[in-house]
């Protein structure tokens, strides 16, 4: 019996991605607006999801964040905490049988601690 573990990354909405990147840099919404040369109310409206960013405004925000549009839409493995990324990398080195046993161990641990819901 082979048990596969699939991890699906659900892409963030543009407003959520902007917030994520802004916070990663330690910027406030007002600071981002100033760096992007935009009104603070515009950035706030985009971040809250009330309005969608135009291509031009998204380019300005990306420039202020020090990234390209391509970077903005790229799969960001930082969405996983470092310890989970390390676990995945380690599991890749295991044989299918070892991964099966690891998965069974993890499932039994979750059951024992009541976290399997």
Foldseek 3Di string as FASTA:
>chain_A
DFDDDDDDDDDDDLLVLLVVLCVVVPHDLCQLCVQLVHDSVVNVCCNVVVDPDDPSSVQSSQVSSVHGVCVSRDDDPVVDPPVVVVVVVVLVPDDRVVNRVVVVVVCVVCVVVVNPD
